[in-house]
Amino acid sequence: MSTPLAQKNTAAYYFQAVASFIVSTGATVIGIAYLPVNAWERAFLGLGLLYTITSAITLAKVVRDKQDEVQLVGRVDKARLDKLLTEHDPYRVDAP
């Protein structure tokens, strides 16, 4: 089993992700603020936006944690296999 190479995010990628989040959230907040509806409907949409944002962040964390768990289990299995292979001596004869 081969392990995938660890990918590091560049500063530009990180900046783009943060900027995209800020712009999309800001545009939605501005859209809700200027929507021609009463305050209760506007508050409902605002709470819906907050719920969507927190759900997306939670989902991203859960996916990341699951990937980390799979990689950790893979590394542990590889370490066990490596240990077994290094300890195995095909020329050893067990005494009766």
PDB file of N, CA and C in Angstrom:
ATOM      1  N   MET A   1       0.847  -1.174   0.000  1.00  0.00           N
ATOM      2  CA  MET A   1       0.000   0.000   0.000  1.00  0.00           C
ATOM      3  C   MET A   1       0.891   1.236   0.000  1.00  0.00           C
ATOM      4  N   SER A   2       0.659   2.100  -0.952  1.00  0.00           N
ATOM      5  CA  SER A   2       1.469   3.308  -1.006  1.00  0.00           C
ATOM      6  C   SER A   2       0.724   4.444  -0.328  1.00  0.00           C
ATOM      7  N   THR A   3       1.483   5.274   0.342  1.00  0.00           N
ATOM      8  CA  THR A   3       0.866   6.407   1.028  1.00  0.00           C
ATOM      9  C   THR A   3       0.939   7.624   0.123  1.00  0.00           C
ATOM     10  N   PRO A   4      -0.136   8.411   0.080  1.00  0.00           N
ATOM     11  CA  PRO A   4      -0.106   9.610  -0.755  1.00  0.00           C
ATOM     12  C   PRO A   4       0.833  10.646  -0.161  1.00  0.00           C
ATOM     13  N   LEU A   5       1.385  11.438  -1.041  1.00  0.00           N
ATOM     14  CA  LEU A   5       2.273  12.504  -0.590  1.00  0.00           C
ATOM     15  C   LEU A   5       1.457  13.558   0.140  1.00  0.00           C
ATOM     16  N   ALA A   6       2.007  14.064   1.209  1.00  0.00           N
ATOM     17  CA  ALA A   6       1.316  15.113   1.968  1.00  0.00           C
ATOM     18  C   ALA A   6       1.327  16.393   1.146  1.00  0.00           C
ATOM     19  N   GLN A   7       0.151  16.982   0.982  1.00  0.00           N
ATOM     20  CA  GLN A   7       0.044  18.205   0.202  1.00  0.00           C
ATOM     21  C   GLN A   7      -0.076  19.376   1.154  1.00  0.00           C
ATOM     22  N   LYS A   8       0.749  20.376   0.934  1.00  0.00           N
ATOM     23  CA  LYS A   8       0.695  21.580   1.755  1.00  0.00           C
ATOM     24  C   LYS A   8       0.019  22.676   0.932  1.00  0.00           C
ATOM     25  N   ASN A   9      -0.846  23.405   1.594  1.00  0.00           N
ATOM     26  CA  ASN A   9      -1.504  24.521   0.920  1.00  0.00           C
ATOM     27  C   ASN A   9      -0.563  25.717   0.886  1.00  0.00           C
ATOM     28  N   THR A  10      -0.586  26.397  -0.241  1.00  0.00           N
ATOM     29  CA  THR A  10       0.231  27.596  -0.367  1.00  0.00           C
ATOM     30  C   THR A  10      -0.477  28.765   0.301  1.00  0.00           C
ATOM     31  N   ALA A  11       0.272  29.831   0.545  1.00  0.00           N
ATOM     32  CA  ALA A  11      -0.305  31.033   1.149  1.00  0.00           C
ATOM     33  C   ALA A  11      -1.355  31.641   0.216  1.00  0.00           C
ATOM     34  N   ALA A  12      -1.125  31.562  -1.086  1.00  0.00           N
ATOM     35  CA  ALA A  12      -2.087  32.111  -2.046  1.00  0.00           C
ATOM     36  C   ALA A  12      -3.399  31.329  -2.013  1.00  0.00           C
ATOM     37  N   TYR A  13      -3.316  30.012  -1.897  1.00  0.00           N
ATOM     38  CA  TYR A  13      -4.518  29.182  -1.831  1.00  0.00           C
ATOM     39  C   TYR A  13      -5.299  29.498  -0.550  1.00  0.00           C
ATOM     40  N   TYR A  14      -4.587  29.612   0.555  1.00  0.00           N
ATOM     41  CA  TYR A  14      -5.222  29.948   1.825  1.00  0.00           C
ATOM     42  C   TYR A  14      -5.896  31.323   1.731  1.00  0.00           C
ATOM     43  N   PHE A  15      -5.199  32.295   1.168  1.00  0.00           N
ATOM     44  CA  PHE A  15      -5.760  33.636   1.010  1.00  0.00           C
ATOM     45  C   PHE A  15      -7.004  33.596   0.143  1.00  0.00           C
ATOM     46  N   GLN A  16      -6.963  32.845  -0.963  1.00  0.00           N
ATOM     47  CA  GLN A  16      -8.109  32.766  -1.858  1.00  0.00           C
ATOM     48  C   GLN A  16      -9.315  32.156  -1.154  1.00  0.00           C
ATOM     49  N   ALA A  17      -9.092  31.122  -0.354  1.00  0.00           N
ATOM     50  CA  ALA A  17     -10.189  30.475   0.359  1.00  0.00           C
ATOM     51  C   ALA A  17     -10.812  31.434   1.373  1.00  0.00           C
ATOM     52  N   VAL A  18      -9.978  32.140   2.121  1.00  0.00           N
ATOM     53  CA  VAL A  18     -10.489  33.088   3.118  1.00  0.00           C
ATOM     54  C   VAL A  18     -11.205  34.248   2.426  1.00  0.00           C
ATOM     55  N   ALA A  19     -10.602  34.781   1.374  1.00  0.00           N
ATOM     56  CA  ALA A  19     -11.214  35.896   0.654  1.00  0.00           C
ATOM     57  C   ALA A  19     -12.548  35.485   0.035  1.00  0.00           C
ATOM     58  N   SER A  20     -12.600  34.295  -0.529  1.00  0.00           N
ATOM     59  CA  SER A  20     -13.841  33.803  -1.125  1.00  0.00           C
ATOM     60  C   SER A  20     -14.935  33.674  -0.074  1.00  0.00           C
ATOM     61  N   PHE A  21     -14.570  33.153   1.094  1.00  0.00           N
ATOM     62  CA  PHE A  21     -15.543  33.026   2.182  1.00  0.00           C
ATOM     63  C   PHE A  21     -16.060  34.393   2.606  1.00  0.00           C
ATOM     64  N   ILE A  22     -15.161  35.350   2.761  1.00  0.00           N
ATOM     65  CA  ILE A  22     -15.552  36.696   3.201  1.00  0.00           C
ATOM     66  C   ILE A  22     -16.431  37.381   2.157  1.00  0.00           C
ATOM     67  N   VAL A  23     -16.051  37.278   0.889  1.00  0.00           N
ATOM     68  CA  VAL A  23     -16.823  37.932  -0.172  1.00  0.00           C
ATOM     69  C   VAL A  23     -18.216  37.304  -0.294  1.00  0.00           C
ATOM     70  N   SER A  24     -18.292  35.981  -0.283  1.00  0.00           N
ATOM     71  CA  SER A  24     -19.598  35.338  -0.442  1.00  0.00           C
ATOM     72  C   SER A  24     -20.502  35.613   0.758  1.00  0.00           C
ATOM     73  N   THR A  25     -19.944  35.576   1.949  1.00  0.00           N
ATOM     74  CA  THR A  25     -20.743  35.871   3.138  1.00  0.00           C
ATOM     75  C   THR A  25     -21.172  37.335   3.136  1.00  0.00           C
ATOM     76  N   GLY A  26     -20.262  38.227   2.812  1.00  0.00           N
ATOM     77  CA  GLY A  26     -20.587  39.656   2.760  1.00  0.00           C
ATOM     78  C   GLY A  26     -21.647  39.969   1.722  1.00  0.00           C
ATOM     79  N   ALA A  27     -21.548  39.370   0.548  1.00  0.00           N
ATOM     80  CA  ALA A  27     -22.542  39.605  -0.499  1.00  0.00           C
ATOM     81  C   ALA A  27     -23.916  39.106  -0.062  1.00  0.00           C
ATOM     82  N   THR A  28     -23.956  37.962   0.604  1.00  0.00           N
ATOM     83  CA  THR A  28     -25.237  37.444   1.074  1.00  0.00           C
ATOM     84  C   THR A  28     -25.815  38.324   2.169  1.00  0.00           C
ATOM     85  N   VAL A  29     -24.973  38.794   3.095  1.00  0.00           N
ATOM     86  CA  VAL A  29     -25.439  39.689   4.157  1.00  0.00           C
ATOM     87  C   VAL A  29     -25.981  40.981   3.560  1.00  0.00           C
ATOM     88  N   ILE A  30     -25.290  41.545   2.585  1.00  0.00           N
ATOM     89  CA  ILE A  30     -25.755  42.775   1.933  1.00  0.00           C
ATOM     90  C   ILE A  30     -27.067  42.519   1.201  1.00  0.00           C
ATOM     91  N   GLY A  31     -27.151  41.367   0.529  1.00  0.00           N
ATOM     92  CA  GLY A  31     -28.394  41.024  -0.160  1.00  0.00           C
ATOM     93  C   GLY A  31     -29.564  40.900   0.789  1.00  0.00           C
ATOM     94  N   ILE A  32     -29.337  40.271   1.940  1.00  0.00           N
ATOM     95  CA  ILE A  32     -30.401  40.139   2.938  1.00  0.00           C
ATOM     96  C   ILE A  32     -30.767  41.513   3.509  1.00  0.00           C
ATOM     97  N   ALA A  33     -29.762  42.362   3.736  1.00  0.00           N
ATOM     98  CA  ALA A  33     -30.012  43.687   4.318  1.00  0.00           C
ATOM     99  C   ALA A  33     -30.871  44.550   3.396  1.00  0.00           C
ATOM    100  N   TYR A  34     -30.657  44.463   2.080  1.00  0.00           N
ATOM    101  CA  TYR A  34     -31.394  45.304   1.140  1.00  0.00           C
ATOM    102  C   TYR A  34     -32.621  44.621   0.552  1.00  0.00           C
ATOM    103  N   LEU A  35     -32.951  43.452   1.028  1.00  0.00           N
ATOM    104  CA  LEU A  35     -34.125  42.741   0.540  1.00  0.00           C
ATOM    105  C   LEU A  35     -35.383  43.478   0.992  1.00  0.00           C
ATOM    106  N   PRO A  36     -36.349  43.682   0.086  1.00  0.00           N
ATOM    107  CA  PRO A  36     -37.546  44.440   0.464  1.00  0.00           C
ATOM    108  C   PRO A  36     -38.559  43.569   1.231  1.00  0.00           C
ATOM    109  N   VAL A  37     -38.181  43.180   2.453  1.00  0.00           N
ATOM    110  CA  VAL A  37     -39.064  42.397   3.314  1.00  0.00           C
ATOM    111  C   VAL A  37     -39.026  43.003   4.705  1.00  0.00           C
ATOM    112  N   ASN A  38     -39.919  42.524   5.584  1.00  0.00           N
ATOM    113  CA  ASN A  38     -39.933  43.094   6.929  1.00  0.00           C
ATOM    114  C   ASN A  38     -38.781  42.527   7.764  1.00  0.00           C
ATOM    115  N   ALA A  39     -38.621  43.061   8.957  1.00  0.00           N
ATOM    116  CA  ALA A  39     -37.472  42.716   9.808  1.00  0.00           C
ATOM    117  C   ALA A  39     -37.481  41.251  10.229  1.00  0.00           C
ATOM    118  N   TRP A  40     -38.665  40.673  10.472  1.00  0.00           N
ATOM    119  CA  TRP A  40     -38.733  39.269  10.889  1.00  0.00           C
ATOM    120  C   TRP A  40     -38.240  38.340   9.794  1.00  0.00           C
ATOM    121  N   GLU A  41     -38.612  38.595   8.563  1.00  0.00           N
ATOM    122  CA  GLU A  41     -38.137  37.765   7.439  1.00  0.00           C
ATOM    123  C   GLU A  41     -36.633  37.940   7.235  1.00  0.00           C
ATOM    124  N   ARG A  42     -36.176  39.166   7.388  1.00  0.00           N
ATOM    125  CA  ARG A  42     -34.746  39.443   7.259  1.00  0.00           C
ATOM    126  C   ARG A  42     -33.963  38.723   8.357  1.00  0.00           C
ATOM    127  N   ALA A  43     -34.477  38.732   9.582  1.00  0.00           N
ATOM    128  CA  ALA A  43     -33.819  38.040  10.699  1.00  0.00           C
ATOM    129  C   ALA A  43     -33.814  36.529  10.459  1.00  0.00           C
ATOM    130  N   PHE A  44     -34.910  35.996   9.923  1.00  0.00           N
ATOM    131  CA  PHE A  44     -34.971  34.565   9.614  1.00  0.00           C
ATOM    132  C   PHE A  44     -33.911  34.187   8.585  1.00  0.00           C
ATOM    133  N   LEU A  45     -33.781  34.980   7.546  1.00  0.00           N
ATOM    134  CA  LEU A  45     -32.770  34.703   6.521  1.00  0.00           C
ATOM    135  C   LEU A  45     -31.357  34.832   7.092  1.00  0.00           C
ATOM    136  N   GLY A  46     -31.159  35.807   7.974  1.00  0.00           N
ATOM    137  CA  GLY A  46     -29.850  35.965   8.619  1.00  0.00           C
ATOM    138  C   GLY A  46     -29.491  34.768   9.478  1.00  0.00           C
ATOM    139  N   LEU A  47     -30.456  34.272  10.246  1.00  0.00           N
ATOM    140  CA  LEU A  47     -30.202  33.073  11.054  1.00  0.00           C
ATOM    141  C   LEU A  47     -29.957  31.853  10.176  1.00  0.00           C
ATOM    142  N   GLY A  48     -30.680  31.772   9.080  1.00  0.00           N
ATOM    143  CA  GLY A  48     -30.444  30.672   8.137  1.00  0.00           C
ATOM    144  C   GLY A  48     -29.036  30.723   7.566  1.00  0.00           C
ATOM    145  N   LEU A  49     -28.561  31.933   7.267  1.00  0.00           N
ATOM    146  CA  LEU A  49     -27.196  32.101   6.769  1.00  0.00           C
ATOM    147  C   LEU A  49     -26.178  31.670   7.822  1.00  0.00           C
ATOM    148  N   LEU A  50     -26.375  32.091   9.064  1.00  0.00           N
ATOM    149  CA  LEU A  50     -25.454  31.691  10.137  1.00  0.00           C
ATOM    150  C   LEU A  50     -25.447  30.175  10.333  1.00  0.00           C
ATOM    151  N   TYR A  51     -26.618  29.565  10.276  1.00  0.00           N
ATOM    152  CA  TYR A  51     -26.714  28.115  10.426  1.00  0.00           C
ATOM    153  C   TYR A  51     -25.985  27.401   9.285  1.00  0.00           C
ATOM    154  N   THR A  52     -26.144  27.914   8.076  1.00  0.00           N
ATOM    155  CA  THR A  52     -25.457  27.320   6.921  1.00  0.00           C
ATOM    156  C   THR A  52     -23.948  27.437   7.067  1.00  0.00           C
ATOM    157  N   ILE A  53     -23.469  28.578   7.509  1.00  0.00           N
ATOM    158  CA  ILE A  53     -22.024  28.784   7.681  1.00  0.00           C
ATOM    159  C   ILE A  53     -21.472  27.842   8.742  1.00  0.00           C
ATOM    160  N   THR A  54     -22.128  27.751   9.899  1.00  0.00           N
ATOM    161  CA  THR A  54     -21.613  26.869  10.950  1.00  0.00           C
ATOM    162  C   THR A  54     -21.690  25.407  10.536  1.00  0.00           C
ATOM    163  N   SER A  55     -22.720  25.033   9.791  1.00  0.00           N
ATOM    164  CA  SER A  55     -22.825  23.651   9.308  1.00  0.00           C
ATOM    165  C   SER A  55     -21.711  23.332   8.316  1.00  0.00           C
ATOM    166  N   ALA A  56     -21.391  24.272   7.449  1.00  0.00           N
ATOM    167  CA  ALA A  56     -20.317  24.059   6.473  1.00  0.00           C
ATOM    168  C   ALA A  56     -18.964  23.917   7.162  1.00  0.00           C
ATOM    169  N   ILE A  57     -18.726  24.733   8.171  1.00  0.00           N
ATOM    170  CA  ILE A  57     -17.461  24.653   8.911  1.00  0.00           C
ATOM    171  C   ILE A  57     -17.367  23.324   9.650  1.00  0.00           C
ATOM    172  N   THR A  58     -18.465  22.905  10.271  1.00  0.00           N
ATOM    173  CA  THR A  58     -18.483  21.621  10.975  1.00  0.00           C
ATOM    174  C   THR A  58     -18.262  20.470  10.007  1.00  0.00           C
ATOM    175  N   LEU A  59     -18.914  20.507   8.858  1.00  0.00           N
ATOM    176  CA  LEU A  59     -18.732  19.457   7.862  1.00  0.00           C
ATOM    177  C   LEU A  59     -17.281  19.391   7.386  1.00  0.00           C
ATOM    178  N   ALA A  60     -16.668  20.533   7.147  1.00  0.00           N
ATOM    179  CA  ALA A  60     -15.269  20.554   6.722  1.00  0.00           C
ATOM    180  C   ALA A  60     -14.366  19.931   7.785  1.00  0.00           C
ATOM    181  N   LYS A  61     -14.629  20.208   9.045  1.00  0.00           N
ATOM    182  CA  LYS A  61     -13.836  19.634  10.131  1.00  0.00           C
ATOM    183  C   LYS A  61     -14.027  18.131  10.215  1.00  0.00           C
ATOM    184  N   VAL A  62     -15.259  17.657  10.077  1.00  0.00           N
ATOM    185  CA  VAL A  62     -15.534  16.217  10.149  1.00  0.00           C
ATOM    186  C   VAL A  62     -14.848  15.477   9.001  1.00  0.00           C
ATOM    187  N   VAL A  63     -14.902  16.038   7.806  1.00  0.00           N
ATOM    188  CA  VAL A  63     -14.244  15.411   6.652  1.00  0.00           C
ATOM    189  C   VAL A  63     -12.738  15.372   6.869  1.00  0.00           C
ATOM    190  N   ARG A  64     -12.160  16.467   7.356  1.00  0.00           N
ATOM    191  CA  ARG A  64     -10.721  16.507   7.632  1.00  0.00           C
ATOM    192  C   ARG A  64     -10.332  15.484   8.690  1.00  0.00           C
ATOM    193  N   ASP A  65     -11.113  15.395   9.760  1.00  0.00           N
ATOM    194  CA  ASP A  65     -10.812  14.431  10.821  1.00  0.00           C
ATOM    195  C   ASP A  65     -10.890  13.002  10.307  1.00  0.00           C
ATOM    196  N   LYS A  66     -11.859  12.709   9.444  1.00  0.00           N
ATOM    197  CA  LYS A  66     -11.998  11.359   8.888  1.00  0.00           C
ATOM    198  C   LYS A  66     -10.788  11.030   8.005  1.00  0.00           C
ATOM    199  N   GLN A  67     -10.345  11.972   7.209  1.00  0.00           N
ATOM    200  CA  GLN A  67      -9.166  11.748   6.372  1.00  0.00           C
ATOM    201  C   GLN A  67      -7.931  11.532   7.231  1.00  0.00           C
ATOM    202  N   ASP A  68      -7.779  12.304   8.294  1.00  0.00           N
ATOM    203  CA  ASP A  68      -6.642  12.120   9.197  1.00  0.00           C
ATOM    204  C   ASP A  68      -6.683  10.751   9.845  1.00  0.00           C
ATOM    205  N   GLU A  69      -7.882  10.294  10.226  1.00  0.00           N
ATOM    206  CA  GLU A  69      -8.032   8.982  10.852  1.00  0.00           C
ATOM    207  C   GLU A  69      -7.636   7.871   9.884  1.00  0.00           C
ATOM    208  N   VAL A  70      -8.070   7.976   8.643  1.00  0.00           N
ATOM    209  CA  VAL A  70      -7.738   6.961   7.640  1.00  0.00           C
ATOM    210  C   VAL A  70      -6.231   6.930   7.401  1.00  0.00           C
ATOM    211  N   GLN A  71      -5.607   8.103   7.318  1.00  0.00           N
ATOM    212  CA  GLN A  71      -4.161   8.149   7.110  1.00  0.00           C
ATOM    213  C   GLN A  71      -3.421   7.575   8.307  1.00  0.00           C
ATOM    214  N   LEU A  72      -3.892   7.854   9.522  1.00  0.00           N
ATOM    215  CA  LEU A  72      -3.240   7.347  10.722  1.00  0.00           C
ATOM    216  C   LEU A  72      -3.347   5.829  10.784  1.00  0.00           C
ATOM    217  N   VAL A  73      -4.531   5.292  10.498  1.00  0.00           N
ATOM    218  CA  VAL A  73      -4.709   3.839  10.505  1.00  0.00           C
ATOM    219  C   VAL A  73      -3.806   3.202   9.451  1.00  0.00           C
ATOM    220  N   GLY A  74      -3.704   3.831   8.296  1.00  0.00           N
ATOM    221  CA  GLY A  74      -2.826   3.312   7.249  1.00  0.00           C
ATOM    222  C   GLY A  74      -1.369   3.304   7.675  1.00  0.00           C
ATOM    223  N   ARG A  75      -0.944   4.349   8.376  1.00  0.00           N
ATOM    224  CA  ARG A  75       0.447   4.403   8.841  1.00  0.00           C
ATOM    225  C   ARG A  75       0.706   3.359   9.920  1.00  0.00           C
ATOM    226  N   VAL A  76      -0.267   3.144  10.810  1.00  0.00           N
ATOM    227  CA  VAL A  76      -0.104   2.139  11.858  1.00  0.00           C
ATOM    228  C   VAL A  76      -0.020   0.747  11.233  1.00  0.00           C
ATOM    229  N   ASP A  77      -0.901   0.461  10.266  1.00  0.00           N
ATOM    230  CA  ASP A  77      -0.858  -0.836   9.584  1.00  0.00           C
ATOM    231  C   ASP A  77       0.470  -1.035   8.863  1.00  0.00           C
ATOM    232  N   LYS A  78       0.966   0.012   8.226  1.00  0.00           N
ATOM    233  CA  LYS A  78       2.255  -0.095   7.523  1.00  0.00           C
ATOM    234  C   LYS A  78       3.384  -0.339   8.515  1.00  0.00           C
ATOM    235  N   ALA A  79       3.343   0.327   9.673  1.00  0.00           N
ATOM    236  CA  ALA A  79       4.380   0.127  10.696  1.00  0.00           C
ATOM    237  C   ALA A  79       4.344  -1.308  11.218  1.00  0.00           C
ATOM    238  N   ARG A  80       3.148  -1.858  11.422  1.00  0.00           N
ATOM    239  CA  ARG A  80       3.037  -3.255  11.870  1.00  0.00           C
ATOM    240  C   ARG A  80       3.617  -4.205  10.835  1.00  0.00           C
ATOM    241  N   LEU A  81       3.288  -3.971   9.570  1.00  0.00           N
ATOM    242  CA  LEU A  81       3.805  -4.826   8.505  1.00  0.00           C
ATOM    243  C   LEU A  81       5.325  -4.720   8.419  1.00  0.00           C
ATOM    244  N   ASP A  82       5.850  -3.504   8.505  1.00  0.00           N
ATOM    245  CA  ASP A  82       7.301  -3.323   8.474  1.00  0.00           C
ATOM    246  C   ASP A  82       7.970  -4.052   9.634  1.00  0.00           C
ATOM    247  N   LYS A  83       7.371  -4.007  10.809  1.00  0.00           N
ATOM    248  CA  LYS A  83       7.934  -4.689  11.972  1.00  0.00           C
ATOM    249  C   LYS A  83       7.934  -6.202  11.755  1.00  0.00           C
ATOM    250  N   LEU A  84       6.823  -6.727  11.246  1.00  0.00           N
ATOM    251  CA  LEU A  84       6.757  -8.165  10.978  1.00  0.00           C
ATOM    252  C   LEU A  84       7.803  -8.595   9.946  1.00  0.00           C
ATOM    253  N   LEU A  85       7.972  -7.789   8.921  1.00  0.00           N
ATOM    254  CA  LEU A  85       8.938  -8.132   7.878  1.00  0.00           C
ATOM    255  C   LEU A  85      10.372  -8.069   8.387  1.00  0.00           C
ATOM    256  N   THR A  86      10.671  -7.103   9.251  1.00  0.00           N
ATOM    257  CA  THR A  86      12.041  -7.008   9.763  1.00  0.00           C
ATOM    258  C   THR A  86      12.332  -8.117  10.772  1.00  0.00           C
ATOM    259  N   GLU A  87      11.313  -8.563  11.495  1.00  0.00           N
ATOM    260  CA  GLU A  87      11.527  -9.619  12.483  1.00  0.00           C
ATOM    261  C   GLU A  87      11.522 -11.011  11.861  1.00  0.00           C
ATOM    262  N   HIS A  88      10.988 -11.130  10.665  1.00  0.00           N
ATOM    263  CA  HIS A  88      10.893 -12.443  10.029  1.00  0.00           C
ATOM    264  C   HIS A  88      12.250 -12.869   9.460  1.00  0.00           C
ATOM    265  N   ASP A  89      12.691 -14.056   9.825  1.00  0.00           N
ATOM    266  CA  ASP A  89      13.930 -14.624   9.304  1.00  0.00           C
ATOM    267  C   ASP A  89      13.585 -15.942   8.617  1.00  0.00           C
ATOM    268  N   PRO A  90      13.603 -15.945   7.281  1.00  0.00           N
ATOM    269  CA  PRO A  90      13.194 -17.160   6.576  1.00  0.00           C
ATOM    270  C   PRO A  90      14.171 -18.327   6.757  1.00  0.00           C
ATOM    271  N   TYR A  91      15.398 -18.058   7.211  1.00  0.00           N
ATOM    272  CA  TYR A  91      16.395 -19.113   7.383  1.00  0.00           C
ATOM    273  C   TYR A  91      16.467 -19.645   8.808  1.00  0.00           C
ATOM    274  N   ARG A  92      15.674 -19.105   9.698  1.00  0.00           N
ATOM    275  CA  ARG A  92      15.694 -19.555  11.082  1.00  0.00           C
ATOM    276  C   ARG A  92      14.994 -20.913  11.195  1.00  0.00           C
ATOM    277  N   VAL A  93      15.641 -21.791  11.915  1.00  0.00           N
ATOM    278  CA  VAL A  93      15.058 -23.125  12.161  1.00  0.00           C
ATOM    279  C   VAL A  93      14.707 -23.179  13.642  1.00  0.00           C
ATOM    280  N   ASP A  94      13.432 -23.465  13.906  1.00  0.00           N
ATOM    281  CA  ASP A  94      12.986 -23.572  15.286  1.00  0.00           C
ATOM    282  C   ASP A  94      13.458 -24.919  15.852  1.00  0.00           C
ATOM    283  N   ALA A  95      14.077 -24.870  17.025  1.00  0.00           N
ATOM    284  CA  ALA A  95      14.540 -26.122  17.679  1.00  0.00           C
ATOM    285  C   ALA A  95      13.360 -26.852  18.284  1.00  0.00           C
ATOM    286  N   PRO A  96      13.368 -28.210  18.188  1.00  0.00           N
ATOM    287  CA  PRO A  96      12.243 -28.982  18.744  1.00  0.00           C
ATOM    288  C   PRO A  96      12.255 -29.037  20.236  1.00  0.00           C
TER     289      PRO A  96
END
